[in-house]
PDB file of N, CA and C in Angstrom:
ATOM      1  N   MET A   1      17.694   7.292  18.806  1.00  0.00           N
ATOM      2  CA  MET A   1      16.754   8.014  17.973  1.00  0.00           C
ATOM      3  C   MET A   1      15.824   8.846  18.858  1.00  0.00           C
ATOM      4  N   THR A   2      15.525   9.998  18.401  1.00  0.00           N
ATOM      5  CA  THR A   2      14.594  10.860  19.125  1.00  0.00           C
ATOM      6  C   THR A   2      13.155  10.480  18.761  1.00  0.00           C
ATOM      7  N   PRO A   3      12.192  10.834  19.595  1.00  0.00           N
ATOM      8  CA  PRO A   3      10.792  10.568  19.244  1.00  0.00           C
ATOM      9  C   PRO A   3      10.388  11.221  17.917  1.00  0.00           C
ATOM     10  N   GLU A   4      10.939  12.389  17.645  1.00  0.00           N
ATOM     11  CA  GLU A   4      10.623  13.066  16.380  1.00  0.00           C
ATOM     12  C   GLU A   4      11.163  12.283  15.184  1.00  0.00           C
ATOM     13  N   HIS A   5      12.376  11.760  15.335  1.00  0.00           N
ATOM     14  CA  HIS A   5      12.970  10.978  14.251  1.00  0.00           C
ATOM     15  C   HIS A   5      12.183   9.689  14.039  1.00  0.00           C
ATOM     16  N   LEU A   6      11.778   9.033  15.108  1.00  0.00           N
ATOM     17  CA  LEU A   6      10.969   7.821  14.993  1.00  0.00           C
ATOM     18  C   LEU A   6       9.638   8.105  14.307  1.00  0.00           C
ATOM     19  N   ALA A   7       9.021   9.231  14.651  1.00  0.00           N
ATOM     20  CA  ALA A   7       7.752   9.609  14.015  1.00  0.00           C
ATOM     21  C   ALA A   7       7.949   9.848  12.518  1.00  0.00           C
ATOM     22  N   HIS A   8       9.043  10.473  12.160  1.00  0.00           N
ATOM     23  CA  HIS A   8       9.354  10.729  10.749  1.00  0.00           C
ATOM     24  C   HIS A   8       9.566   9.415   9.999  1.00  0.00           C
ATOM     25  N   VAL A   9      10.328   8.499  10.591  1.00  0.00           N
ATOM     26  CA  VAL A   9      10.580   7.206   9.949  1.00  0.00           C
ATOM     27  C   VAL A   9       9.283   6.422   9.815  1.00  0.00           C
ATOM     28  N   ARG A  10       8.423   6.487  10.841  1.00  0.00           N
ATOM     29  CA  ARG A  10       7.150   5.783  10.760  1.00  0.00           C
ATOM     30  C   ARG A  10       6.288   6.320   9.626  1.00  0.00           C
ATOM     31  N   ARG A  11       6.256   7.643   9.454  1.00  0.00           N
ATOM     32  CA  ARG A  11       5.492   8.230   8.334  1.00  0.00           C
ATOM     33  C   ARG A  11       6.042   7.759   6.992  1.00  0.00           C
ATOM     34  N   GLN A  12       7.369   7.698   6.886  1.00  0.00           N
ATOM     35  CA  GLN A  12       7.979   7.213   5.648  1.00  0.00           C
ATOM     36  C   GLN A  12       7.614   5.757   5.386  1.00  0.00           C
ATOM     37  N   LEU A  13       7.651   4.936   6.421  1.00  0.00           N
ATOM     38  CA  LEU A  13       7.300   3.526   6.283  1.00  0.00           C
ATOM     39  C   LEU A  13       5.837   3.376   5.866  1.00  0.00           C
ATOM     40  N   GLU A  14       4.955   4.141   6.486  1.00  0.00           N
ATOM     41  CA  GLU A  14       3.541   4.066   6.137  1.00  0.00           C
ATOM     42  C   GLU A  14       3.295   4.522   4.710  1.00  0.00           C
ATOM     43  N   SER A  15       4.013   5.531   4.262  1.00  0.00           N
ATOM     44  CA  SER A  15       3.888   5.995   2.886  1.00  0.00           C
ATOM     45  C   SER A  15       4.378   4.928   1.906  1.00  0.00           C
ATOM     46  N   PHE A  16       5.520   4.324   2.219  1.00  0.00           N
ATOM     47  CA  PHE A  16       6.055   3.252   1.376  1.00  0.00           C
ATOM     48  C   PHE A  16       5.078   2.083   1.319  1.00  0.00           C
ATOM     49  N   ALA A  17       4.553   1.679   2.473  1.00  0.00           N
ATOM     50  CA  ALA A  17       3.613   0.556   2.521  1.00  0.00           C
ATOM     51  C   ALA A  17       2.343   0.875   1.742  1.00  0.00           C
ATOM     52  N   ALA A  18       1.846   2.099   1.845  1.00  0.00           N
ATOM     53  CA  ALA A  18       0.641   2.484   1.112  1.00  0.00           C
ATOM     54  C   ALA A  18       0.853   2.338  -0.388  1.00  0.00           C
ATOM     55  N   GLU A  19       2.014   2.745  -0.853  1.00  0.00           N
ATOM     56  CA  GLU A  19       2.327   2.612  -2.282  1.00  0.00           C
ATOM     57  C   GLU A  19       2.513   1.150  -2.672  1.00  0.00           C
ATOM     58  N   MET A  20       3.225   0.414  -1.848  1.00  0.00           N
ATOM     59  CA  MET A  20       3.535  -0.977  -2.154  1.00  0.00           C
ATOM     60  C   MET A  20       2.288  -1.857  -2.158  1.00  0.00           C
ATOM     61  N   PHE A  21       1.385  -1.623  -1.211  1.00  0.00           N
ATOM     62  CA  PHE A  21       0.200  -2.469  -1.087  1.00  0.00           C
ATOM     63  C   PHE A  21      -1.038  -1.853  -1.727  1.00  0.00           C
ATOM     64  N   ALA A  22      -0.905  -0.762  -2.448  1.00  0.00           N
ATOM     65  CA  ALA A  22      -2.042  -0.117  -3.107  1.00  0.00           C
ATOM     66  C   ALA A  22      -2.803  -1.053  -4.046  1.00  0.00           C
ATOM     67  N   PRO A  23      -2.129  -1.967  -4.758  1.00  0.00           N
ATOM     68  CA  PRO A  23      -2.887  -2.857  -5.641  1.00  0.00           C
ATOM     69  C   PRO A  23      -3.833  -3.811  -4.923  1.00  0.00           C
ATOM     70  N   LEU A  24      -3.647  -4.023  -3.625  1.00  0.00           N
ATOM     71  CA  LEU A  24      -4.562  -4.893  -2.886  1.00  0.00           C
ATOM     72  C   LEU A  24      -5.900  -4.170  -2.738  1.00  0.00           C
ATOM     73  N   THR A  25      -6.968  -4.842  -3.085  1.00  0.00           N
ATOM     74  CA  THR A  25      -8.263  -4.178  -3.145  1.00  0.00           C
ATOM     75  C   THR A  25      -8.898  -3.984  -1.774  1.00  0.00           C
ATOM     76  N   ARG A  26      -8.587  -4.844  -0.822  1.00  0.00           N
ATOM     77  CA  ARG A  26      -9.226  -4.748   0.491  1.00  0.00           C
ATOM     78  C   ARG A  26      -8.370  -3.952   1.469  1.00  0.00           C
ATOM     79  N   ARG A  27      -9.026  -3.068   2.207  1.00  0.00           N
ATOM     80  CA  ARG A  27      -8.348  -2.218   3.188  1.00  0.00           C
ATOM     81  C   ARG A  27      -7.678  -3.045   4.279  1.00  0.00           C
ATOM     82  N   ASP A  28      -8.335  -4.122   4.725  1.00  0.00           N
ATOM     83  CA  ASP A  28      -7.744  -4.945   5.776  1.00  0.00           C
ATOM     84  C   ASP A  28      -6.467  -5.629   5.299  1.00  0.00           C
ATOM     85  N   GLN A  29      -6.387  -5.982   4.019  1.00  0.00           N
ATOM     86  CA  GLN A  29      -5.164  -6.573   3.480  1.00  0.00           C
ATOM     87  C   GLN A  29      -4.032  -5.542   3.466  1.00  0.00           C
ATOM     88  N   ARG A  30      -4.361  -4.314   3.096  1.00  0.00           N
ATOM     89  CA  ARG A  30      -3.335  -3.262   3.096  1.00  0.00           C
ATOM     90  C   ARG A  30      -2.828  -3.006   4.513  1.00  0.00           C
ATOM     91  N   ALA A  31      -3.729  -3.029   5.498  1.00  0.00           N
ATOM     92  CA  ALA A  31      -3.320  -2.836   6.893  1.00  0.00           C
ATOM     93  C   ALA A  31      -2.439  -3.991   7.367  1.00  0.00           C
ATOM     94  N   LYS A  32      -2.792  -5.209   7.009  1.00  0.00           N
ATOM     95  CA  LYS A  32      -1.963  -6.364   7.386  1.00  0.00           C
ATOM     96  C   LYS A  32      -0.602  -6.278   6.697  1.00  0.00           C
ATOM     97  N   GLY A  33      -0.570  -5.740   5.493  1.00  0.00           N
ATOM     98  CA  GLY A  33       0.706  -5.564   4.795  1.00  0.00           C
ATOM     99  C   GLY A  33       1.629  -4.638   5.570  1.00  0.00           C
ATOM    100  N   LEU A  34       1.091  -3.545   6.076  1.00  0.00           N
ATOM    101  CA  LEU A  34       1.893  -2.625   6.881  1.00  0.00           C
ATOM    102  C   LEU A  34       2.378  -3.323   8.147  1.00  0.00           C
ATOM    103  N   THR A  35       1.499  -4.080   8.787  1.00  0.00           N
ATOM    104  CA  THR A  35       1.884  -4.801   9.997  1.00  0.00           C
ATOM    105  C   THR A  35       2.995  -5.799   9.693  1.00  0.00           C
ATOM    106  N   TYR A  36       2.864  -6.527   8.593  1.00  0.00           N
ATOM    107  CA  TYR A  36       3.887  -7.501   8.197  1.00  0.00           C
ATOM    108  C   TYR A  36       5.221  -6.798   7.933  1.00  0.00           C
ATOM    109  N   LEU A  37       5.176  -5.694   7.246  1.00  0.00           N
ATOM    110  CA  LEU A  37       6.388  -4.926   6.959  1.00  0.00           C
ATOM    111  C   LEU A  37       7.046  -4.450   8.254  1.00  0.00           C
ATOM    112  N   ARG A  38       6.254  -3.948   9.186  1.00  0.00           N
ATOM    113  CA  ARG A  38       6.796  -3.543  10.495  1.00  0.00           C
ATOM    114  C   ARG A  38       7.453  -4.723  11.189  1.00  0.00           C
ATOM    115  N   GLY A  39       6.818  -5.890  11.108  1.00  0.00           N
ATOM    116  CA  GLY A  39       7.374  -7.083  11.735  1.00  0.00           C
ATOM    117  C   GLY A  39       8.715  -7.481  11.153  1.00  0.00           C
ATOM    118  N   LEU A  40       8.856  -7.323   9.850  1.00  0.00           N
ATOM    119  CA  LEU A  40      10.134  -7.638   9.214  1.00  0.00           C
ATOM    120  C   LEU A  40      11.248  -6.708   9.678  1.00  0.00           C
ATOM    121  N   LEU A  41      10.897  -5.484  10.017  1.00  0.00           N
ATOM    122  CA  LEU A  41      11.902  -4.498  10.402  1.00  0.00           C
ATOM    123  C   LEU A  41      12.231  -4.506  11.892  1.00  0.00           C
ATOM    124  N   LEU A  42      11.422  -5.185  12.694  1.00  0.00           N
ATOM    125  CA  LEU A  42      11.693  -5.239  14.129  1.00  0.00           C
ATOM    126  C   LEU A  42      12.935  -6.071  14.422  1.00  0.00           C
ATOM    127  N   ASP A  43      13.520  -5.813  15.584  1.00  0.00           N
ATOM    128  CA  ASP A  43      14.624  -6.656  16.037  1.00  0.00           C
ATOM    129  C   ASP A  43      14.123  -8.075  16.232  1.00  0.00           C
ATOM    130  N   GLY A  44      15.017  -8.999  16.060  1.00  0.00           N
ATOM    131  CA  GLY A  44      14.680 -10.411  16.243  1.00  0.00           C
ATOM    132  C   GLY A  44      15.314 -11.232  15.155  1.00  0.00           C
ATOM    133  N   ARG A  45      15.843 -12.349  15.554  1.00  0.00           N
ATOM    134  CA  ARG A  45      16.556 -13.189  14.590  1.00  0.00           C
ATOM    135  C   ARG A  45      15.602 -13.895  13.643  1.00  0.00           C
ATOM    136  N   ARG A  46      14.488 -14.396  14.165  1.00  0.00           N
ATOM    137  CA  ARG A  46      13.590 -15.178  13.327  1.00  0.00           C
ATOM    138  C   ARG A  46      12.515 -14.291  12.726  1.00  0.00           C
ATOM    139  N   LYS A  47      12.324 -14.426  11.433  1.00  0.00           N
ATOM    140  CA  LYS A  47      11.305 -13.636  10.739  1.00  0.00           C
ATOM    141  C   LYS A  47      10.107 -14.501  10.341  1.00  0.00           C
ATOM    142  N   SER A  48       9.975 -15.676  10.985  1.00  0.00           N
ATOM    143  CA  SER A  48       8.805 -16.505  10.718  1.00  0.00           C
ATOM    144  C   SER A  48       7.595 -15.917  11.445  1.00  0.00           C
ATOM    145  N   MET A  49       6.418 -16.406  11.097  1.00  0.00           N
ATOM    146  CA  MET A  49       5.174 -15.792  11.549  1.00  0.00           C
ATOM    147  C   MET A  49       5.018 -15.720  13.067  1.00  0.00           C
ATOM    148  N   GLN A  50       5.214 -16.819  13.767  1.00  0.00           N
ATOM    149  CA  GLN A  50       4.930 -16.811  15.201  1.00  0.00           C
ATOM    150  C   GLN A  50       5.856 -15.890  15.990  1.00  0.00           C
ATOM    151  N   PRO A  51       7.175 -15.958  15.819  1.00  0.00           N
ATOM    152  CA  PRO A  51       8.019 -15.012  16.565  1.00  0.00           C
ATOM    153  C   PRO A  51       7.747 -13.560  16.188  1.00  0.00           C
ATOM    154  N   MET A  52       7.475 -13.314  14.908  1.00  0.00           N
ATOM    155  CA  MET A  52       7.196 -11.955  14.467  1.00  0.00           C
ATOM    156  C   MET A  52       5.898 -11.449  15.094  1.00  0.00           C
ATOM    157  N   ALA A  53       4.873 -12.288  15.100  1.00  0.00           N
ATOM    158  CA  ALA A  53       3.588 -11.898  15.675  1.00  0.00           C
ATOM    159  C   ALA A  53       3.714 -11.641  17.177  1.00  0.00           C
ATOM    160  N   GLU A  54       4.525 -12.435  17.847  1.00  0.00           N
ATOM    161  CA  GLU A  54       4.743 -12.208  19.279  1.00  0.00           C
ATOM    162  C   GLU A  54       5.380 -10.847  19.522  1.00  0.00           C
ATOM    163  N   ARG A  55       6.351 -10.467  18.704  1.00  0.00           N
ATOM    164  CA  ARG A  55       6.988  -9.153  18.862  1.00  0.00           C
ATOM    165  C   ARG A  55       6.003  -8.024  18.583  1.00  0.00           C
ATOM    166  N   LEU A  56       5.073  -8.256  17.660  1.00  0.00           N
ATOM    167  CA  LEU A  56       4.070  -7.242  17.318  1.00  0.00           C
ATOM    168  C   LEU A  56       2.893  -7.240  18.286  1.00  0.00           C
ATOM    169  N   GLY A  57       2.759  -8.312  19.067  1.00  0.00           N
ATOM    170  CA  GLY A  57       1.642  -8.417  19.996  1.00  0.00           C
ATOM    171  C   GLY A  57       0.322  -8.747  19.323  1.00  0.00           C
ATOM    172  N   ILE A  58       0.389  -9.553  18.241  1.00  0.00           N
ATOM    173  CA  ILE A  58      -0.823  -9.927  17.503  1.00  0.00           C
ATOM    174  C   ILE A  58      -0.860 -11.438  17.310  1.00  0.00           C
ATOM    175  N   ASP A  59      -1.970 -11.939  16.798  1.00  0.00           N
ATOM    176  CA  ASP A  59      -2.133 -13.354  16.495  1.00  0.00           C
ATOM    177  C   ASP A  59      -1.431 -13.649  15.166  1.00  0.00           C
ATOM    178  N   HIS A  60      -0.632 -14.703  15.129  1.00  0.00           N
ATOM    179  CA  HIS A  60       0.140 -15.007  13.920  1.00  0.00           C
ATOM    180  C   HIS A  60      -0.736 -15.417  12.744  1.00  0.00           C
ATOM    181  N   GLN A  61      -1.961 -15.875  13.005  1.00  0.00           N
ATOM    182  CA  GLN A  61      -2.818 -16.318  11.909  1.00  0.00           C
ATOM    183  C   GLN A  61      -3.194 -15.185  10.960  1.00  0.00           C
ATOM    184  N   GLY A  62      -3.296 -13.971  11.479  1.00  0.00           N
ATOM    185  CA  GLY A  62      -3.598 -12.833  10.612  1.00  0.00           C
ATOM    186  C   GLY A  62      -2.492 -12.591   9.598  1.00  0.00           C
ATOM    187  N   LEU A  63      -1.241 -12.695  10.040  1.00  0.00           N
ATOM    188  CA  LEU A  63      -0.117 -12.537   9.105  1.00  0.00           C
ATOM    189  C   LEU A  63      -0.070 -13.697   8.119  1.00  0.00           C
ATOM    190  N   GLN A  64      -0.323 -14.907   8.626  1.00  0.00           N
ATOM    191  CA  GLN A  64      -0.335 -16.092   7.762  1.00  0.00           C
ATOM    192  C   GLN A  64      -1.375 -15.938   6.661  1.00  0.00           C
ATOM    193  N   GLN A  65      -2.584 -15.504   7.033  1.00  0.00           N
ATOM    194  CA  GLN A  65      -3.642 -15.324   6.045  1.00  0.00           C
ATOM    195  C   GLN A  65      -3.304 -14.223   5.059  1.00  0.00           C
ATOM    196  N   PHE A  66      -2.654 -13.166   5.542  1.00  0.00           N
ATOM    197  CA  PHE A  66      -2.255 -12.093   4.636  1.00  0.00           C
ATOM    198  C   PHE A  66      -1.354 -12.638   3.531  1.00  0.00           C
ATOM    199  N   LEU A  67      -0.367 -13.428   3.908  1.00  0.00           N
ATOM    200  CA  LEU A  67       0.584 -13.936   2.914  1.00  0.00           C
ATOM    201  C   LEU A  67      -0.015 -14.980   1.991  1.00  0.00           C
ATOM    202  N   THR A  68      -0.922 -15.808   2.511  1.00  0.00           N
ATOM    203  CA  THR A  68      -1.440 -16.897   1.687  1.00  0.00           C
ATOM    204  C   THR A  68      -2.720 -16.548   0.935  1.00  0.00           C
ATOM    205  N   SER A  69      -3.459 -15.532   1.386  1.00  0.00           N
ATOM    206  CA  SER A  69      -4.788 -15.283   0.804  1.00  0.00           C
ATOM    207  C   SER A  69      -4.923 -13.943   0.105  1.00  0.00           C
ATOM    208  N   SER A  70      -3.914 -13.082   0.162  1.00  0.00           N
ATOM    209  CA  SER A  70      -4.043 -11.768  -0.480  1.00  0.00           C
ATOM    210  C   SER A  70      -4.060 -11.926  -1.996  1.00  0.00           C
ATOM    211  N   THR A  71      -4.749 -11.022  -2.623  1.00  0.00           N
ATOM    212  CA  THR A  71      -4.915 -11.069  -4.088  1.00  0.00           C
ATOM    213  C   THR A  71      -3.773 -10.303  -4.747  1.00  0.00           C
ATOM    214  N   TRP A  72      -2.667 -10.980  -4.941  1.00  0.00           N
ATOM    215  CA  TRP A  72      -1.482 -10.360  -5.535  1.00  0.00           C
ATOM    216  C   TRP A  72      -1.630 -10.315  -7.043  1.00  0.00           C
ATOM    217  N   ASP A  73      -1.320  -9.179  -7.628  1.00  0.00           N
ATOM    218  CA  ASP A  73      -1.304  -9.038  -9.084  1.00  0.00           C
ATOM    219  C   ASP A  73       0.064  -9.501  -9.577  1.00  0.00           C
ATOM    220  N   LEU A  74       0.085 -10.588 -10.293  1.00  0.00           N
ATOM    221  CA  LEU A  74       1.356 -11.172 -10.726  1.00  0.00           C
ATOM    222  C   LEU A  74       1.855 -10.647 -12.063  1.00  0.00           C
ATOM    223  N   THR A  75       1.143  -9.695 -12.655  1.00  0.00           N
ATOM    224  CA  THR A  75       1.586  -9.179 -13.955  1.00  0.00           C
ATOM    225  C   THR A  75       2.498  -8.005 -13.814  1.00  0.00           C
TER     226      THR A  75
END
């Protein structure tokens, strides 16, 4: 992939994430949603929190809190 193609794909991913996580009221939750989505798409066999966070270079507790504490609209 060229740098231009990667930039284009990243913009598409960010646009998709913005739409998908728009119902979340807090900006930090929407940002964690994008980070979580990026983690799911990265290479790596395990998609659990700790290996994913290591690949992203972040603390796994932030992803854990995003999944367990975000205000999801279930309707």
